[in-house]
Amino acid sequence: MRIVYHSGKLYLSLRRDEKKDIDESFPDPCEIDLSLVPTLNKDLAIIAEQIWKDSVATDYQEMVEKIAKK
């Protein structure tokens, strides 16, 4: 199981066995192996950094456009 960020959207990537577990437990919560915590934590840290970079880039672009209008 991985969580990825692309073009302003979050995506969940699953192996077949993980999808099967989710399908079988639906609509109840599905147990996730605790060994995934470090990987998911790393994924979320990367996502937070990417979102921050996107935000900074957007803010910078808006600032450049304001300066160009003057």
N, C-alpha and C. Protein backbone atom coordinates (compact mmCIF):
# COMPACT_ATOMS: atom_id res chain seq x y z
N MET A 1 0.85 -1.17 0.00
CA MET A 1 0.00 0.00 0.00
C MET A 1 0.90 1.23 0.00
N ARG A 2 0.58 2.13 -0.90
CA ARG A 2 1.31 3.39 -0.98
C ARG A 2 0.31 4.52 -1.21
N ILE A 3 0.65 5.70 -0.73
CA ILE A 3 -0.14 6.90 -0.98
C ILE A 3 0.75 7.83 -1.78
N VAL A 4 0.25 8.32 -2.91
CA VAL A 4 1.04 9.20 -3.76
C VAL A 4 0.24 10.46 -4.09
N TYR A 5 0.94 11.52 -4.40
CA TYR A 5 0.37 12.81 -4.76
C TYR A 5 0.82 13.13 -6.18
N HIS A 6 -0.15 13.48 -7.02
CA HIS A 6 0.18 13.81 -8.40
C HIS A 6 -0.84 14.82 -8.92
N SER A 7 -0.34 15.92 -9.43
CA SER A 7 -1.19 16.95 -10.04
C SER A 7 -2.33 17.40 -9.12
N GLY A 8 -1.99 17.61 -7.85
CA GLY A 8 -2.97 18.13 -6.91
C GLY A 8 -3.97 17.11 -6.38
N LYS A 9 -3.72 15.84 -6.61
CA LYS A 9 -4.64 14.79 -6.16
C LYS A 9 -3.87 13.71 -5.42
N LEU A 10 -4.56 13.07 -4.46
CA LEU A 10 -3.98 11.93 -3.74
C LEU A 10 -4.47 10.63 -4.37
N TYR A 11 -3.57 9.66 -4.46
CA TYR A 11 -3.92 8.36 -5.00
C TYR A 11 -3.46 7.27 -4.04
N LEU A 12 -4.25 6.22 -3.95
CA LEU A 12 -3.91 5.07 -3.13
C LEU A 12 -3.56 3.92 -4.06
N SER A 13 -2.38 3.37 -3.89
CA SER A 13 -1.93 2.26 -4.70
C SER A 13 -1.93 1.00 -3.83
N LEU A 14 -2.59 -0.06 -4.31
CA LEU A 14 -2.72 -1.29 -3.54
C LEU A 14 -2.22 -2.49 -4.33
N ARG A 15 -1.70 -3.46 -3.59
CA ARG A 15 -1.41 -4.76 -4.21
C ARG A 15 -2.73 -5.53 -4.28
N ARG A 16 -2.75 -6.57 -5.06
CA ARG A 16 -3.99 -7.35 -5.21
C ARG A 16 -4.50 -7.89 -3.87
N ASP A 17 -3.60 -8.40 -3.04
CA ASP A 17 -4.03 -8.95 -1.75
C ASP A 17 -4.60 -7.88 -0.83
N GLU A 18 -4.06 -6.67 -0.91
CA GLU A 18 -4.58 -5.57 -0.10
C GLU A 18 -5.98 -5.17 -0.57
N LYS A 19 -6.15 -5.12 -1.88
CA LYS A 19 -7.48 -4.79 -2.42
C LYS A 19 -8.50 -5.86 -2.03
N LYS A 20 -8.08 -7.11 -2.06
CA LYS A 20 -8.97 -8.21 -1.68
C LYS A 20 -9.40 -8.05 -0.21
N ASP A 21 -8.44 -7.74 0.66
CA ASP A 21 -8.76 -7.53 2.09
C ASP A 21 -9.77 -6.40 2.27
N ILE A 22 -9.60 -5.32 1.54
CA ILE A 22 -10.52 -4.19 1.62
C ILE A 22 -11.89 -4.59 1.11
N ASP A 23 -11.92 -5.25 -0.03
CA ASP A 23 -13.20 -5.70 -0.61
C ASP A 23 -13.95 -6.62 0.35
N GLU A 24 -13.22 -7.53 0.99
CA GLU A 24 -13.86 -8.49 1.88
C GLU A 24 -14.39 -7.84 3.16
N SER A 25 -13.76 -6.79 3.62
CA SER A 25 -14.19 -6.16 4.87
C SER A 25 -15.18 -5.03 4.64
N PHE A 26 -15.32 -4.57 3.41
CA PHE A 26 -16.21 -3.44 3.10
C PHE A 26 -17.63 -3.75 3.55
N PRO A 27 -18.34 -2.84 4.17
CA PRO A 27 -18.03 -1.43 4.44
C PRO A 27 -17.35 -1.19 5.79
N ASP A 28 -16.95 -2.24 6.46
CA ASP A 28 -16.25 -2.09 7.74
C ASP A 28 -14.80 -1.69 7.51
N PRO A 29 -14.16 -1.13 8.54
CA PRO A 29 -12.74 -0.78 8.40
C PRO A 29 -11.90 -2.03 8.12
N CYS A 30 -10.83 -1.83 7.41
CA CYS A 30 -9.92 -2.91 7.06
C CYS A 30 -8.65 -2.78 7.89
N GLU A 31 -8.21 -3.88 8.44
CA GLU A 31 -6.97 -3.86 9.22
C GLU A 31 -5.78 -3.65 8.29
N ILE A 32 -4.86 -2.81 8.74
CA ILE A 32 -3.64 -2.54 7.98
C ILE A 32 -2.47 -3.03 8.82
N ASP A 33 -1.56 -3.73 8.20
CA ASP A 33 -0.39 -4.26 8.89
C ASP A 33 0.44 -3.10 9.45
N LEU A 34 0.79 -3.20 10.72
CA LEU A 34 1.57 -2.13 11.36
C LEU A 34 2.94 -1.94 10.73
N SER A 35 3.43 -2.94 10.03
CA SER A 35 4.74 -2.80 9.37
C SER A 35 4.70 -1.76 8.26
N LEU A 36 3.49 -1.37 7.84
CA LEU A 36 3.35 -0.35 6.79
C LEU A 36 3.50 1.08 7.32
N VAL A 37 3.44 1.24 8.62
CA VAL A 37 3.47 2.59 9.20
C VAL A 37 4.69 3.40 8.74
N PRO A 38 5.91 2.87 8.81
CA PRO A 38 7.05 3.68 8.34
C PRO A 38 6.94 4.09 6.87
N THR A 39 6.47 3.18 6.03
CA THR A 39 6.32 3.49 4.61
C THR A 39 5.26 4.55 4.38
N LEU A 40 4.10 4.39 5.03
CA LEU A 40 3.03 5.38 4.88
C LEU A 40 3.43 6.72 5.47
N ASN A 41 4.17 6.69 6.57
CA ASN A 41 4.66 7.93 7.17
C ASN A 41 5.59 8.66 6.20
N LYS A 42 6.47 7.91 5.56
CA LYS A 42 7.39 8.50 4.56
C LYS A 42 6.59 9.06 3.38
N ASP A 43 5.59 8.29 2.91
CA ASP A 43 4.74 8.77 1.80
C ASP A 43 4.09 10.10 2.16
N LEU A 44 3.52 10.17 3.38
CA LEU A 44 2.83 11.40 3.80
C LEU A 44 3.79 12.57 3.96
N ALA A 45 5.01 12.31 4.42
CA ALA A 45 6.01 13.37 4.53
C ALA A 45 6.37 13.91 3.14
N ILE A 46 6.52 13.02 2.18
CA ILE A 46 6.82 13.43 0.80
C ILE A 46 5.65 14.23 0.23
N ILE A 47 4.43 13.76 0.48
CA ILE A 47 3.24 14.45 0.00
C ILE A 47 3.15 15.85 0.59
N ALA A 48 3.38 15.97 1.90
CA ALA A 48 3.33 17.29 2.55
C ALA A 48 4.35 18.23 1.93
N GLU A 49 5.55 17.73 1.65
CA GLU A 49 6.58 18.56 1.01
C GLU A 49 6.16 18.97 -0.40
N GLN A 50 5.60 18.05 -1.16
CA GLN A 50 5.17 18.38 -2.52
C GLN A 50 4.04 19.41 -2.52
N ILE A 51 3.10 19.26 -1.60
CA ILE A 51 2.01 20.24 -1.51
C ILE A 51 2.56 21.60 -1.13
N TRP A 52 3.50 21.63 -0.20
CA TRP A 52 4.13 22.90 0.20
C TRP A 52 4.85 23.53 -1.00
N LYS A 53 5.60 22.72 -1.74
CA LYS A 53 6.31 23.25 -2.92
C LYS A 53 5.33 23.80 -3.95
N ASP A 54 4.23 23.09 -4.17
CA ASP A 54 3.20 23.57 -5.11
C ASP A 54 2.64 24.91 -4.65
N SER A 55 2.40 25.02 -3.34
CA SER A 55 1.85 26.25 -2.77
C SER A 55 2.83 27.41 -2.94
N VAL A 56 4.10 27.15 -2.66
CA VAL A 56 5.12 28.19 -2.81
C VAL A 56 5.24 28.61 -4.27
N ALA A 57 5.21 27.63 -5.16
CA ALA A 57 5.31 27.94 -6.59
C ALA A 57 4.12 28.78 -7.05
N THR A 58 2.94 28.45 -6.56
CA THR A 58 1.74 29.23 -6.91
C THR A 58 1.84 30.65 -6.37
N ASP A 59 2.25 30.78 -5.11
CA ASP A 59 2.41 32.10 -4.51
C ASP A 59 3.44 32.93 -5.27
N TYR A 60 4.55 32.29 -5.66
CA TYR A 60 5.60 32.98 -6.39
C TYR A 60 5.08 33.44 -7.75
N GLN A 61 4.35 32.57 -8.44
CA GLN A 61 3.81 32.93 -9.75
C GLN A 61 2.85 34.11 -9.63
N GLU A 62 2.00 34.11 -8.60
CA GLU A 62 1.07 35.22 -8.39
C GLU A 62 1.83 36.51 -8.12
N MET A 63 2.90 36.44 -7.34
CA MET A 63 3.70 37.62 -7.04
C MET A 63 4.35 38.16 -8.32
N VAL A 64 4.88 37.28 -9.15
CA VAL A 64 5.52 37.69 -10.41
C VAL A 64 4.49 38.36 -11.31
N GLU A 65 3.29 37.81 -11.38
CA GLU A 65 2.24 38.40 -12.22
C GLU A 65 1.83 39.78 -11.73
N LYS A 66 1.77 39.98 -10.40
CA LYS A 66 1.45 41.31 -9.86
C LYS A 66 2.53 42.31 -10.21
N ILE A 67 3.78 41.90 -10.09
CA ILE A 67 4.90 42.80 -10.42
C ILE A 67 4.89 43.13 -11.91
N ALA A 68 4.57 42.17 -12.74
CA ALA A 68 4.57 42.38 -14.20
C ALA A 68 3.47 43.36 -14.61
N LYS A 69 2.39 43.42 -13.86
CA LYS A 69 1.28 44.34 -14.18
C LYS A 69 1.63 45.78 -13.86
N LYS A 70 2.58 46.01 -12.99
CA LYS A 70 2.93 47.38 -12.58
C LYS A 70 3.70 48.11 -13.63
